[in-house]
């Protein structure tokens, strides 16, 4: 039996809990919106990685395909970031993987398993932080396990969408010398969030968005 780690939408953040869950895997599949090569490099330290390019993966990811076909332990797998980008004819595939929505989804159709592992990167709104562990043996999937990563944040901050990107934008405004109130107004951001970002950035020289989110417990 082989265990496959399936993740998506890390958006530049690789949580320690995700790395720990992937330690038992022989292969890692990433369904896109990776955001930077460093994420793939760190994953490759654990197991071989197959990844596809997401809509937020820019020039750095031009070498990554939009769809990937692979076979693991006899299980035929097709993967794309967006479900709409999957081939129209999926016959002959046992496991179909996609991401993009940040919501976990798993269902069977005609003997095929369709799997969206959700997002295990920055938390979006109040959605769960999830990934999946797939077991395969003898040419078939024997188990699919949803893994929910606990959100250890002490406070829920209001964000317009991708909190990681909001923090990156806030850091750029800090570097321009803007105040907390100005940042909150310019970015239409919750003032408490803007204040927390400013304090962490100014008291931890060189910290990036990942570091700020870690210090916020998100």
N, C-alpha and C. Protein backbone atom coordinates (compact mmCIF):
# COMPACT_ATOMS: atom_id res chain seq x y z
N UNK A 1 0.84 -1.20 0.00
CA UNK A 1 0.00 0.00 0.00
C UNK A 1 0.88 1.24 0.00
N UNK A 2 0.39 2.28 -0.70
CA UNK A 2 1.12 3.54 -0.76
C UNK A 2 0.18 4.65 -0.32
N UNK A 3 0.73 5.64 0.37
CA UNK A 3 -0.08 6.77 0.83
C UNK A 3 0.30 8.01 0.02
N UNK A 4 -0.72 8.71 -0.46
CA UNK A 4 -0.55 9.89 -1.32
C UNK A 4 -1.09 11.10 -0.59
N UNK A 5 -0.28 12.14 -0.46
CA UNK A 5 -0.74 13.39 0.12
C UNK A 5 -1.30 14.28 -0.97
N UNK A 6 -2.51 14.77 -0.80
CA UNK A 6 -3.15 15.62 -1.80
C UNK A 6 -3.46 16.97 -1.16
N UNK A 7 -2.86 18.03 -1.71
CA UNK A 7 -3.06 19.37 -1.17
C UNK A 7 -3.33 20.35 -2.31
N UNK A 8 -3.82 21.52 -1.96
CA UNK A 8 -4.07 22.55 -2.96
C UNK A 8 -4.11 23.91 -2.29
N UNK A 9 -3.98 24.95 -3.10
CA UNK A 9 -4.18 26.33 -2.67
C UNK A 9 -3.40 26.68 -1.40
N UNK A 10 -2.10 26.42 -1.44
CA UNK A 10 -1.25 26.82 -0.31
C UNK A 10 -0.99 28.32 -0.32
N UNK A 11 -1.08 28.95 -1.50
CA UNK A 11 -0.95 30.41 -1.61
C UNK A 11 0.25 30.95 -0.84
N UNK A 12 1.38 30.28 -1.01
CA UNK A 12 2.61 30.78 -0.41
C UNK A 12 2.84 30.40 1.02
N UNK A 13 1.93 29.62 1.61
CA UNK A 13 2.10 29.26 3.02
C UNK A 13 2.04 27.74 3.20
N UNK A 14 3.08 27.20 3.83
CA UNK A 14 3.14 25.77 4.12
C UNK A 14 3.12 25.60 5.63
N UNK A 15 1.98 25.19 6.15
CA UNK A 15 1.80 25.08 7.59
C UNK A 15 2.59 23.89 8.17
N UNK A 16 3.14 24.01 9.37
CA UNK A 16 3.85 22.90 10.01
C UNK A 16 2.98 21.65 10.13
N UNK A 17 1.69 21.84 10.42
CA UNK A 17 0.79 20.70 10.57
C UNK A 17 0.62 19.94 9.26
N UNK A 18 0.66 20.67 8.15
CA UNK A 18 0.57 20.03 6.83
C UNK A 18 1.82 19.21 6.57
N UNK A 19 2.96 19.79 6.86
CA UNK A 19 4.24 19.07 6.68
C UNK A 19 4.26 17.80 7.51
N UNK A 20 3.74 17.88 8.72
CA UNK A 20 3.72 16.71 9.61
C UNK A 20 2.82 15.63 9.03
N UNK A 21 1.65 16.00 8.53
CA UNK A 21 0.72 15.03 7.95
C UNK A 21 1.30 14.36 6.71
N UNK A 22 2.12 15.11 5.96
CA UNK A 22 2.68 14.59 4.72
C UNK A 22 3.88 13.67 4.95
N UNK A 23 4.40 13.64 6.16
CA UNK A 23 5.58 12.82 6.44
C UNK A 23 5.33 11.33 6.20
N UNK A 24 4.09 10.89 6.31
CA UNK A 24 3.76 9.48 6.11
C UNK A 24 3.48 9.15 4.65
N UNK A 25 3.62 10.13 3.76
CA UNK A 25 3.28 9.94 2.35
C UNK A 25 4.51 9.62 1.49
N UNK A 26 4.30 8.79 0.49
CA UNK A 26 5.36 8.45 -0.46
C UNK A 26 5.35 9.36 -1.68
N UNK A 27 4.21 10.01 -1.92
CA UNK A 27 4.03 10.91 -3.06
C UNK A 27 3.16 12.07 -2.61
N UNK A 28 3.42 13.26 -3.17
CA UNK A 28 2.61 14.44 -2.88
C UNK A 28 2.06 15.00 -4.18
N UNK A 29 0.77 15.28 -4.21
CA UNK A 29 0.13 15.90 -5.36
C UNK A 29 -0.37 17.28 -4.93
N UNK A 30 0.01 18.31 -5.69
CA UNK A 30 -0.41 19.69 -5.37
C UNK A 30 -1.26 20.20 -6.53
N UNK A 31 -2.51 20.57 -6.22
CA UNK A 31 -3.45 20.97 -7.27
C UNK A 31 -3.47 22.47 -7.57
N UNK A 32 -2.35 23.13 -7.36
CA UNK A 32 -2.20 24.50 -7.86
C UNK A 32 -2.48 25.61 -6.87
N UNK A 33 -2.22 26.86 -7.34
CA UNK A 33 -2.17 28.06 -6.52
C UNK A 33 -1.16 27.84 -5.40
N UNK A 34 0.06 27.64 -5.84
CA UNK A 34 1.21 27.37 -4.98
C UNK A 34 1.83 28.69 -4.54
N UNK A 35 1.99 29.58 -5.53
CA UNK A 35 2.46 30.96 -5.38
C UNK A 35 3.98 31.15 -5.39
N UNK A 36 4.75 30.14 -5.05
CA UNK A 36 6.20 30.31 -5.15
C UNK A 36 6.90 28.95 -5.15
N UNK A 37 8.05 28.92 -5.83
CA UNK A 37 8.80 27.68 -6.00
C UNK A 37 9.25 27.09 -4.67
N UNK A 38 9.49 27.94 -3.70
CA UNK A 38 9.99 27.48 -2.40
C UNK A 38 9.05 26.44 -1.79
N UNK A 39 7.75 26.59 -2.02
CA UNK A 39 6.78 25.64 -1.47
C UNK A 39 7.03 24.25 -2.05
N UNK A 40 7.21 24.17 -3.36
CA UNK A 40 7.47 22.88 -4.00
C UNK A 40 8.81 22.31 -3.54
N UNK A 41 9.80 23.18 -3.38
CA UNK A 41 11.12 22.71 -2.94
C UNK A 41 11.03 22.10 -1.54
N UNK A 42 10.29 22.74 -0.67
CA UNK A 42 10.15 22.21 0.70
C UNK A 42 9.36 20.91 0.72
N UNK A 43 8.33 20.83 -0.11
CA UNK A 43 7.56 19.59 -0.19
C UNK A 43 8.42 18.44 -0.72
N UNK A 44 9.30 18.75 -1.68
CA UNK A 44 10.15 17.73 -2.29
C UNK A 44 11.15 17.14 -1.29
N UNK A 45 11.38 17.83 -0.18
CA UNK A 45 12.25 17.29 0.86
C UNK A 45 11.58 16.12 1.58
N UNK A 46 10.25 16.04 1.46
CA UNK A 46 9.49 14.98 2.11
C UNK A 46 9.23 13.81 1.17
N UNK A 47 8.80 14.13 -0.07
CA UNK A 47 8.47 13.07 -1.04
C UNK A 47 8.42 13.68 -2.44
N UNK A 48 8.50 12.85 -3.49
CA UNK A 48 8.36 13.36 -4.85
C UNK A 48 7.04 14.09 -5.03
N UNK A 49 7.07 15.20 -5.78
CA UNK A 49 5.90 16.06 -5.92
C UNK A 49 5.48 16.16 -7.39
N UNK A 50 4.19 16.02 -7.64
CA UNK A 50 3.60 16.35 -8.94
C UNK A 50 2.66 17.52 -8.70
N UNK A 51 2.81 18.59 -9.49
CA UNK A 51 2.01 19.79 -9.27
C UNK A 51 1.50 20.34 -10.60
N UNK A 52 0.38 21.05 -10.53
CA UNK A 52 -0.15 21.75 -11.69
C UNK A 52 -0.18 23.24 -11.39
N UNK A 53 -0.27 24.03 -12.44
CA UNK A 53 -0.26 25.48 -12.32
C UNK A 53 -1.66 26.01 -12.02
N UNK A 54 -1.76 26.87 -11.01
CA UNK A 54 -3.03 27.49 -10.67
C UNK A 54 -3.16 28.86 -11.29
N UNK A 55 -4.33 29.47 -11.18
CA UNK A 55 -4.54 30.77 -11.79
C UNK A 55 -3.74 31.88 -11.13
N UNK A 56 -3.26 31.65 -9.90
CA UNK A 56 -2.41 32.63 -9.21
C UNK A 56 -0.92 32.32 -9.34
N UNK A 57 -0.58 31.27 -10.06
CA UNK A 57 0.83 30.93 -10.27
C UNK A 57 1.30 31.60 -11.55
N UNK A 58 2.17 32.59 -11.40
CA UNK A 58 2.54 33.45 -12.52
C UNK A 58 3.80 32.94 -13.24
N UNK A 59 4.66 33.90 -13.62
CA UNK A 59 5.80 33.56 -14.48
C UNK A 59 6.68 32.46 -13.92
N UNK A 60 6.85 32.45 -12.60
CA UNK A 60 7.75 31.45 -12.00
C UNK A 60 7.28 30.03 -12.29
N UNK A 61 5.97 29.85 -12.56
CA UNK A 61 5.39 28.51 -12.69
C UNK A 61 5.12 28.11 -14.14
N UNK A 62 5.72 28.81 -15.08
CA UNK A 62 5.46 28.50 -16.49
C UNK A 62 5.84 27.07 -16.86
N UNK A 63 6.75 26.46 -16.10
CA UNK A 63 7.17 25.09 -16.39
C UNK A 63 6.16 24.05 -15.91
N UNK A 64 5.19 24.50 -15.11
CA UNK A 64 4.20 23.57 -14.58
C UNK A 64 3.03 23.43 -15.56
N UNK A 65 2.49 22.23 -15.74
CA UNK A 65 1.37 22.05 -16.66
C UNK A 65 0.05 22.49 -16.05
N UNK A 66 -0.94 22.76 -16.89
CA UNK A 66 -2.28 23.07 -16.40
C UNK A 66 -3.00 21.80 -15.96
N UNK A 67 -2.69 20.70 -16.60
CA UNK A 67 -3.24 19.40 -16.18
C UNK A 67 -2.10 18.40 -16.12
N UNK A 68 -2.22 17.43 -15.26
CA UNK A 68 -1.19 16.40 -15.12
C UNK A 68 -1.84 15.03 -15.06
N UNK A 69 -1.20 14.08 -15.71
CA UNK A 69 -1.65 12.68 -15.69
C UNK A 69 -0.53 11.86 -15.06
N UNK A 70 -0.87 11.03 -14.11
CA UNK A 70 0.13 10.18 -13.48
C UNK A 70 -0.52 8.88 -13.03
N UNK A 71 0.30 7.88 -12.78
CA UNK A 71 -0.20 6.61 -12.27
C UNK A 71 0.61 6.23 -11.05
N UNK A 72 -0.07 5.96 -9.96
CA UNK A 72 0.57 5.62 -8.70
C UNK A 72 -0.03 4.32 -8.18
N UNK A 73 0.83 3.32 -7.99
CA UNK A 73 0.36 2.02 -7.49
C UNK A 73 -0.80 1.50 -8.34
N UNK A 74 -0.71 1.74 -9.65
CA UNK A 74 -1.73 1.27 -10.57
C UNK A 74 -2.97 2.13 -10.64
N UNK A 75 -3.05 3.17 -9.81
CA UNK A 75 -4.19 4.09 -9.83
C UNK A 75 -3.92 5.21 -10.82
N UNK A 76 -4.80 5.36 -11.80
CA UNK A 76 -4.63 6.38 -12.84
C UNK A 76 -5.25 7.69 -12.38
N UNK A 77 -4.45 8.74 -12.38
CA UNK A 77 -4.85 10.01 -11.78
C UNK A 77 -4.77 11.14 -12.80
N UNK A 78 -5.78 11.99 -12.79
CA UNK A 78 -5.78 13.22 -13.59
C UNK A 78 -5.98 14.38 -12.64
N UNK A 79 -5.21 15.47 -12.83
CA UNK A 79 -5.27 16.60 -11.89
C UNK A 79 -5.20 17.93 -12.64
N UNK A 80 -6.01 18.87 -12.21
CA UNK A 80 -5.97 20.25 -12.70
C UNK A 80 -6.34 21.17 -11.55
N UNK A 81 -6.00 22.45 -11.67
CA UNK A 81 -6.35 23.38 -10.58
C UNK A 81 -7.86 23.65 -10.59
N UNK A 82 -8.38 24.04 -11.73
CA UNK A 82 -9.81 24.30 -11.86
C UNK A 82 -10.51 23.07 -12.42
N UNK A 83 -11.65 22.76 -11.87
CA UNK A 83 -12.42 21.62 -12.35
C UNK A 83 -12.75 21.78 -13.83
N UNK A 84 -12.98 23.03 -14.25
CA UNK A 84 -13.33 23.31 -15.64
C UNK A 84 -12.19 23.01 -16.60
N UNK A 85 -10.96 22.94 -16.09
CA UNK A 85 -9.80 22.68 -16.95
C UNK A 85 -9.50 21.19 -17.11
N UNK A 86 -10.25 20.34 -16.43
CA UNK A 86 -10.06 18.90 -16.59
C UNK A 86 -10.51 18.48 -17.98
N UNK A 87 -9.93 17.43 -18.54
CA UNK A 87 -10.38 16.95 -19.85
C UNK A 87 -11.86 16.59 -19.81
N UNK A 88 -12.54 16.83 -20.94
CA UNK A 88 -13.96 16.47 -21.00
C UNK A 88 -14.15 14.96 -20.89
N UNK A 89 -13.23 14.22 -21.48
CA UNK A 89 -13.29 12.76 -21.41
C UNK A 89 -12.35 12.28 -20.32
N UNK A 90 -12.91 11.82 -19.22
CA UNK A 90 -12.11 11.36 -18.09
C UNK A 90 -12.14 9.84 -17.97
N UNK A 91 -12.55 9.17 -19.02
CA UNK A 91 -12.59 7.71 -18.98
C UNK A 91 -11.18 7.16 -18.79
N UNK A 92 -11.09 6.10 -18.04
CA UNK A 92 -9.80 5.47 -17.79
C UNK A 92 -9.08 6.02 -16.58
N UNK A 93 -9.63 7.06 -15.96
CA UNK A 93 -9.01 7.61 -14.74
C UNK A 93 -9.74 7.07 -13.51
N UNK A 94 -8.98 6.78 -12.50
CA UNK A 94 -9.56 6.28 -11.25
C UNK A 94 -9.78 7.39 -10.24
N UNK A 95 -8.88 8.37 -10.26
CA UNK A 95 -8.93 9.46 -9.29
C UNK A 95 -8.76 10.78 -10.03
N UNK A 96 -9.70 11.70 -9.81
CA UNK A 96 -9.68 13.01 -10.47
C UNK A 96 -9.55 14.07 -9.39
N UNK A 97 -8.51 14.89 -9.49
CA UNK A 97 -8.19 15.87 -8.44
C UNK A 97 -8.24 17.28 -9.00
N UNK A 98 -8.79 18.20 -8.21
CA UNK A 98 -8.84 19.61 -8.59
C UNK A 98 -8.87 20.44 -7.30
N UNK A 99 -8.74 21.77 -7.43
CA UNK A 99 -8.73 22.65 -6.28
C UNK A 99 -9.53 23.91 -6.56
N UNK A 100 -8.94 25.06 -6.26
CA UNK A 100 -9.44 26.39 -6.63
C UNK A 100 -10.54 26.93 -5.71
N UNK A 101 -11.50 26.13 -5.28
CA UNK A 101 -12.63 26.65 -4.52
C UNK A 101 -12.34 26.83 -3.04
N UNK A 102 -11.25 26.24 -2.56
CA UNK A 102 -10.89 26.25 -1.14
C UNK A 102 -11.87 25.45 -0.29
N UNK A 103 -12.72 24.67 -0.90
CA UNK A 103 -13.70 23.86 -0.17
C UNK A 103 -13.48 22.38 -0.45
N UNK A 104 -13.42 21.58 0.60
CA UNK A 104 -13.23 20.15 0.45
C UNK A 104 -14.46 19.54 -0.23
N UNK A 105 -14.19 18.65 -1.18
CA UNK A 105 -15.27 17.95 -1.88
C UNK A 105 -14.78 16.56 -2.26
N UNK A 106 -15.62 15.58 -2.07
CA UNK A 106 -15.26 14.20 -2.40
C UNK A 106 -16.53 13.44 -2.78
N UNK A 107 -16.53 12.87 -3.97
CA UNK A 107 -17.68 12.08 -4.38
C UNK A 107 -17.24 11.06 -5.44
N UNK A 108 -18.10 10.08 -5.67
CA UNK A 108 -17.82 9.03 -6.65
C UNK A 108 -18.83 9.10 -7.78
N UNK A 109 -18.34 8.81 -8.97
CA UNK A 109 -19.20 8.79 -10.15
C UNK A 109 -18.71 7.69 -11.10
N UNK A 110 -19.55 6.69 -11.29
CA UNK A 110 -19.20 5.63 -12.22
C UNK A 110 -17.89 4.94 -11.91
N UNK A 111 -17.61 4.73 -10.64
CA UNK A 111 -16.38 4.05 -10.27
C UNK A 111 -15.17 4.97 -10.13
N UNK A 112 -15.34 6.25 -10.47
CA UNK A 112 -14.26 7.23 -10.33
C UNK A 112 -14.44 8.03 -9.04
N UNK A 113 -13.32 8.44 -8.47
CA UNK A 113 -13.35 9.30 -7.28
C UNK A 113 -12.94 10.71 -7.68
N UNK A 114 -13.78 11.68 -7.36
CA UNK A 114 -13.48 13.09 -7.60
C UNK A 114 -13.13 13.72 -6.25
N UNK A 115 -12.00 14.42 -6.21
CA UNK A 115 -11.49 14.92 -4.94
C UNK A 115 -10.95 16.34 -5.06
N UNK A 116 -11.50 17.22 -4.24
CA UNK A 116 -10.94 18.56 -4.05
C UNK A 116 -10.48 18.60 -2.59
N UNK A 117 -9.17 18.68 -2.34
CA UNK A 117 -8.68 18.64 -0.96
C UNK A 117 -8.91 19.92 -0.18
N UNK A 118 -9.49 20.94 -0.83
CA UNK A 118 -9.67 22.22 -0.16
C UNK A 118 -8.36 22.99 -0.10
N UNK A 119 -8.29 23.95 0.78
CA UNK A 119 -7.08 24.77 0.93
C UNK A 119 -6.42 24.52 2.27
N UNK A 120 -5.09 24.35 2.25
CA UNK A 120 -4.35 24.22 3.52
C UNK A 120 -3.36 25.37 3.67
N UNK A 121 -3.60 26.45 2.92
CA UNK A 121 -2.78 27.65 3.04
C UNK A 121 -3.43 28.66 3.98
N UNK A 122 -3.35 29.95 3.65
CA UNK A 122 -3.99 30.96 4.50
C UNK A 122 -5.49 30.73 4.59
N UNK A 123 -6.03 30.91 5.76
CA UNK A 123 -7.46 30.70 5.94
C UNK A 123 -8.25 31.78 5.20
N UNK A 124 -9.33 31.38 4.54
CA UNK A 124 -10.18 32.30 3.79
C UNK A 124 -11.56 32.32 4.43
N UNK A 125 -11.97 33.53 4.84
CA UNK A 125 -13.25 33.67 5.55
C UNK A 125 -13.27 32.69 6.73
N UNK A 126 -14.34 31.92 6.86
CA UNK A 126 -14.44 30.96 7.97
C UNK A 126 -14.35 29.52 7.48
N UNK A 127 -13.75 29.33 6.30
CA UNK A 127 -13.66 27.99 5.74
C UNK A 127 -12.64 27.14 6.49
N UNK A 128 -12.87 25.83 6.46
CA UNK A 128 -11.93 24.91 7.08
C UNK A 128 -10.59 24.92 6.34
N UNK A 129 -9.54 24.58 7.06
CA UNK A 129 -8.21 24.39 6.47
C UNK A 129 -8.05 22.87 6.30
N UNK A 130 -8.00 22.40 5.05
CA UNK A 130 -8.06 20.96 4.82
C UNK A 130 -7.05 20.47 3.79
N UNK A 131 -6.82 19.17 3.83
CA UNK A 131 -6.04 18.44 2.85
C UNK A 131 -6.59 17.02 2.84
N UNK A 132 -5.98 16.12 2.04
CA UNK A 132 -6.47 14.74 1.99
C UNK A 132 -5.30 13.76 1.95
N UNK A 133 -5.51 12.61 2.53
CA UNK A 133 -4.56 11.50 2.45
C UNK A 133 -5.27 10.35 1.74
N UNK A 134 -4.67 9.90 0.65
CA UNK A 134 -5.26 8.84 -0.16
C UNK A 134 -4.39 7.59 -0.07
N UNK A 135 -5.01 6.46 0.20
CA UNK A 135 -4.29 5.18 0.23
C UNK A 135 -4.62 4.41 -1.04
N UNK A 136 -3.60 3.81 -1.66
CA UNK A 136 -3.80 3.06 -2.90
C UNK A 136 -3.05 1.74 -2.83
N UNK A 137 -3.66 0.72 -3.40
CA UNK A 137 -3.03 -0.60 -3.41
C UNK A 137 -3.67 -1.44 -4.51
N UNK A 138 -2.83 -2.15 -5.24
CA UNK A 138 -3.33 -3.08 -6.25
C UNK A 138 -4.18 -2.44 -7.32
N UNK A 139 -3.86 -1.20 -7.70
CA UNK A 139 -4.60 -0.55 -8.78
C UNK A 139 -5.91 0.08 -8.37
N UNK A 140 -6.14 0.22 -7.07
CA UNK A 140 -7.39 0.87 -6.65
C UNK A 140 -7.15 1.72 -5.41
N UNK A 141 -8.00 2.71 -5.26
CA UNK A 141 -7.97 3.57 -4.07
C UNK A 141 -8.69 2.84 -2.95
N UNK A 142 -7.99 2.60 -1.86
CA UNK A 142 -8.59 1.87 -0.74
C UNK A 142 -9.13 2.77 0.35
N UNK A 143 -8.68 4.04 0.36
CA UNK A 143 -9.17 4.94 1.41
C UNK A 143 -8.87 6.38 1.02
N UNK A 144 -9.80 7.28 1.34
CA UNK A 144 -9.59 8.72 1.20
C UNK A 144 -9.94 9.33 2.55
N UNK A 145 -8.98 10.02 3.14
CA UNK A 145 -9.21 10.60 4.47
C UNK A 145 -9.05 12.10 4.43
N UNK A 146 -10.10 12.78 4.81
CA UNK A 146 -10.05 14.24 4.94
C UNK A 146 -9.29 14.61 6.20
N UNK A 147 -8.35 15.53 6.08
CA UNK A 147 -7.58 15.99 7.23
C UNK A 147 -7.90 17.47 7.46
N UNK A 148 -8.41 17.79 8.60
CA UNK A 148 -8.73 19.17 8.95
C UNK A 148 -7.62 19.72 9.84
N UNK A 149 -7.00 20.80 9.40
CA UNK A 149 -5.93 21.43 10.15
C UNK A 149 -6.55 22.44 11.10
N UNK A 150 -6.32 22.31 12.41
CA UNK A 150 -6.94 23.25 13.36
C UNK A 150 -6.40 24.66 13.18
N UNK A 151 -7.29 25.63 13.25
CA UNK A 151 -6.87 27.03 13.19
C UNK A 151 -6.60 27.49 14.61
N UNK A 152 -5.34 27.83 14.88
CA UNK A 152 -4.93 28.14 16.25
C UNK A 152 -5.04 29.62 16.58
N UNK A 153 -5.59 30.38 15.64
CA UNK A 153 -5.69 31.82 15.88
C UNK A 153 -6.54 32.14 17.10
N UNK A 154 -6.14 33.13 17.86
CA UNK A 154 -6.90 33.53 19.04
C UNK A 154 -8.00 34.50 18.67
N UNK A 155 -7.93 35.02 17.45
CA UNK A 155 -8.92 36.00 17.04
C UNK A 155 -9.23 35.81 15.57
N UNK A 156 -10.49 36.00 15.19
CA UNK A 156 -10.88 35.93 13.78
C UNK A 156 -10.84 37.34 13.21
N UNK A 157 -10.02 37.54 12.19
CA UNK A 157 -9.90 38.85 11.56
C UNK A 157 -10.73 38.89 10.29
N UNK A 158 -11.32 40.04 10.02
CA UNK A 158 -12.13 40.20 8.83
C UNK A 158 -11.23 40.53 7.65
N UNK A 159 -11.29 39.71 6.60
CA UNK A 159 -10.49 39.93 5.40
C UNK A 159 -11.41 39.86 4.19
N UNK A 160 -11.07 40.61 3.15
CA UNK A 160 -11.90 40.63 1.95
C UNK A 160 -11.81 39.33 1.16
N UNK A 161 -10.80 38.53 1.40
CA UNK A 161 -10.65 37.31 0.64
C UNK A 161 -9.44 36.52 1.09
N UNK A 162 -8.33 36.70 0.41
CA UNK A 162 -7.10 35.98 0.73
C UNK A 162 -6.31 36.78 1.76
N UNK A 163 -6.28 36.31 2.99
CA UNK A 163 -5.63 37.04 4.07
C UNK A 163 -4.14 37.20 3.81
N UNK A 164 -3.49 36.18 3.23
CA UNK A 164 -2.06 36.26 2.94
C UNK A 164 -1.78 37.43 2.00
N UNK A 165 -2.61 37.57 0.96
CA UNK A 165 -2.41 38.67 0.01
C UNK A 165 -2.71 40.01 0.66
N UNK A 166 -3.70 40.06 1.54
CA UNK A 166 -4.01 41.31 2.25
C UNK A 166 -2.82 41.74 3.11
N UNK A 167 -2.18 40.78 3.75
CA UNK A 167 -1.02 41.11 4.59
C UNK A 167 0.13 41.62 3.72
N UNK A 168 0.35 40.98 2.58
CA UNK A 168 1.41 41.44 1.67
C UNK A 168 1.15 42.88 1.22
N UNK A 169 -0.10 43.18 0.90
CA UNK A 169 -0.44 44.55 0.49
C UNK A 169 -0.24 45.54 1.63
N UNK A 170 -0.61 45.10 2.84
CA UNK A 170 -0.43 45.98 4.00
C UNK A 170 1.04 46.28 4.24
N UNK A 171 1.90 45.27 4.09
CA UNK A 171 3.33 45.47 4.28
C UNK A 171 3.87 46.51 3.29
N UNK A 172 3.40 46.45 2.05
CA UNK A 172 3.84 47.44 1.05
C UNK A 172 3.42 48.85 1.46
N UNK A 173 2.23 48.96 2.05
CA UNK A 173 1.77 50.28 2.50
C UNK A 173 2.58 50.76 3.71
N UNK A 174 2.96 49.83 4.59
CA UNK A 174 3.81 50.19 5.73
C UNK A 174 5.14 50.75 5.22
N UNK A 175 5.68 50.09 4.20
CA UNK A 175 6.96 50.51 3.64
C UNK A 175 6.87 51.90 3.00
N UNK A 176 5.66 52.31 2.65
CA UNK A 176 5.46 53.65 2.10
C UNK A 176 5.31 54.70 3.20
N UNK A 177 5.27 54.22 4.45
CA UNK A 177 5.17 55.14 5.58
C UNK A 177 3.74 55.46 5.98
N UNK A 178 2.78 54.68 5.52
CA UNK A 178 1.38 54.96 5.87
C UNK A 178 1.08 54.53 7.31
N UNK A 179 0.13 55.19 7.92
CA UNK A 179 -0.29 54.88 9.29
C UNK A 179 -1.30 53.73 9.27
N UNK A 180 -1.62 53.23 10.47
CA UNK A 180 -2.60 52.15 10.58
C UNK A 180 -3.93 52.58 9.98
N UNK A 181 -4.39 53.77 10.33
CA UNK A 181 -5.69 54.25 9.83
C UNK A 181 -5.66 54.39 8.30
N UNK A 182 -4.56 54.87 7.78
CA UNK A 182 -4.45 55.03 6.33
C UNK A 182 -4.47 53.67 5.63
N UNK A 183 -3.76 52.70 6.20
CA UNK A 183 -3.72 51.36 5.61
C UNK A 183 -5.11 50.73 5.63
N UNK A 184 -5.80 50.85 6.76
CA UNK A 184 -7.15 50.29 6.88
C UNK A 184 -8.08 50.92 5.85
N UNK A 185 -7.93 52.23 5.63
CA UNK A 185 -8.80 52.92 4.67
C UNK A 185 -8.45 52.55 3.23
N UNK A 186 -7.17 52.58 2.90
CA UNK A 186 -6.74 52.30 1.53
C UNK A 186 -7.07 50.88 1.10
N UNK A 187 -6.89 49.93 2.02
CA UNK A 187 -7.11 48.52 1.69
C UNK A 187 -8.50 48.02 2.10
N UNK A 188 -9.34 48.93 2.64
CA UNK A 188 -10.68 48.53 3.10
C UNK A 188 -10.56 47.34 4.06
N UNK A 189 -9.65 47.49 5.00
CA UNK A 189 -9.28 46.41 5.91
C UNK A 189 -9.76 46.71 7.32
N UNK A 190 -10.12 45.68 8.05
CA UNK A 190 -10.45 45.80 9.46
C UNK A 190 -9.29 46.49 10.19
N UNK A 191 -9.57 47.54 10.95
CA UNK A 191 -8.49 48.30 11.58
C UNK A 191 -7.68 47.45 12.54
N UNK A 192 -8.35 46.53 13.25
CA UNK A 192 -7.62 45.68 14.20
C UNK A 192 -6.59 44.81 13.47
N UNK A 193 -6.96 44.36 12.29
CA UNK A 193 -6.03 43.56 11.49
C UNK A 193 -4.87 44.42 11.02
N UNK A 194 -5.17 45.62 10.52
CA UNK A 194 -4.11 46.52 10.06
C UNK A 194 -3.14 46.85 11.20
N UNK A 195 -3.70 47.09 12.39
CA UNK A 195 -2.87 47.41 13.55
C UNK A 195 -1.96 46.24 13.92
N UNK A 196 -2.51 45.02 13.90
CA UNK A 196 -1.71 43.84 14.25
C UNK A 196 -0.58 43.63 13.24
N UNK A 197 -0.87 43.81 11.96
CA UNK A 197 0.15 43.64 10.92
C UNK A 197 1.26 44.66 11.11
N UNK A 198 0.88 45.91 11.35
CA UNK A 198 1.88 46.97 11.52
C UNK A 198 2.78 46.68 12.72
N UNK A 199 2.19 46.31 13.84
CA UNK A 199 2.99 46.06 15.03
C UNK A 199 3.96 44.90 14.83
N UNK A 200 3.48 43.83 14.21
CA UNK A 200 4.35 42.67 13.99
C UNK A 200 5.45 42.98 12.99
N UNK A 201 5.11 43.72 11.94
CA UNK A 201 6.12 44.04 10.93
C UNK A 201 7.20 44.96 11.51
N UNK A 202 6.79 45.94 12.29
CA UNK A 202 7.74 46.92 12.82
C UNK A 202 8.58 46.38 13.97
N UNK A 203 8.06 45.39 14.69
CA UNK A 203 8.80 44.84 15.82
C UNK A 203 9.60 43.58 15.45
N UNK A 204 9.43 43.10 14.23
CA UNK A 204 10.18 41.93 13.76
C UNK A 204 10.78 42.24 12.39
N UNK A 205 11.88 42.98 12.36
CA UNK A 205 12.49 43.39 11.10
C UNK A 205 12.73 42.20 10.16
N UNK A 206 12.31 42.37 8.91
CA UNK A 206 12.54 41.33 7.90
C UNK A 206 11.45 40.29 7.83
N UNK A 207 10.46 40.34 8.72
CA UNK A 207 9.39 39.34 8.71
C UNK A 207 8.56 39.49 7.43
N UNK A 208 8.13 38.37 6.85
CA UNK A 208 7.29 38.43 5.65
C UNK A 208 5.86 38.04 6.02
N UNK A 209 5.00 37.92 4.99
CA UNK A 209 3.58 37.62 5.25
C UNK A 209 3.41 36.29 5.95
N UNK A 210 4.21 35.27 5.57
CA UNK A 210 4.13 33.97 6.23
C UNK A 210 4.45 34.11 7.71
N UNK A 211 5.52 34.86 7.99
CA UNK A 211 5.95 35.04 9.37
C UNK A 211 4.91 35.78 10.20
N UNK A 212 4.28 36.78 9.58
CA UNK A 212 3.25 37.53 10.29
C UNK A 212 2.07 36.64 10.61
N UNK A 213 1.65 35.81 9.66
CA UNK A 213 0.52 34.91 9.89
C UNK A 213 0.85 33.90 10.98
N UNK A 214 2.09 33.42 10.98
CA UNK A 214 2.50 32.46 12.01
C UNK A 214 2.45 33.11 13.39
N UNK A 215 2.94 34.34 13.50
CA UNK A 215 2.96 35.04 14.78
C UNK A 215 1.55 35.40 15.24
N UNK A 216 0.62 35.53 14.27
CA UNK A 216 -0.78 35.80 14.60
C UNK A 216 -1.52 34.52 14.96
N UNK A 217 -0.84 33.37 14.75
CA UNK A 217 -1.46 32.10 15.06
C UNK A 217 -2.48 31.67 14.04
N UNK A 218 -2.35 32.14 12.78
CA UNK A 218 -3.32 31.83 11.74
C UNK A 218 -2.82 30.73 10.82
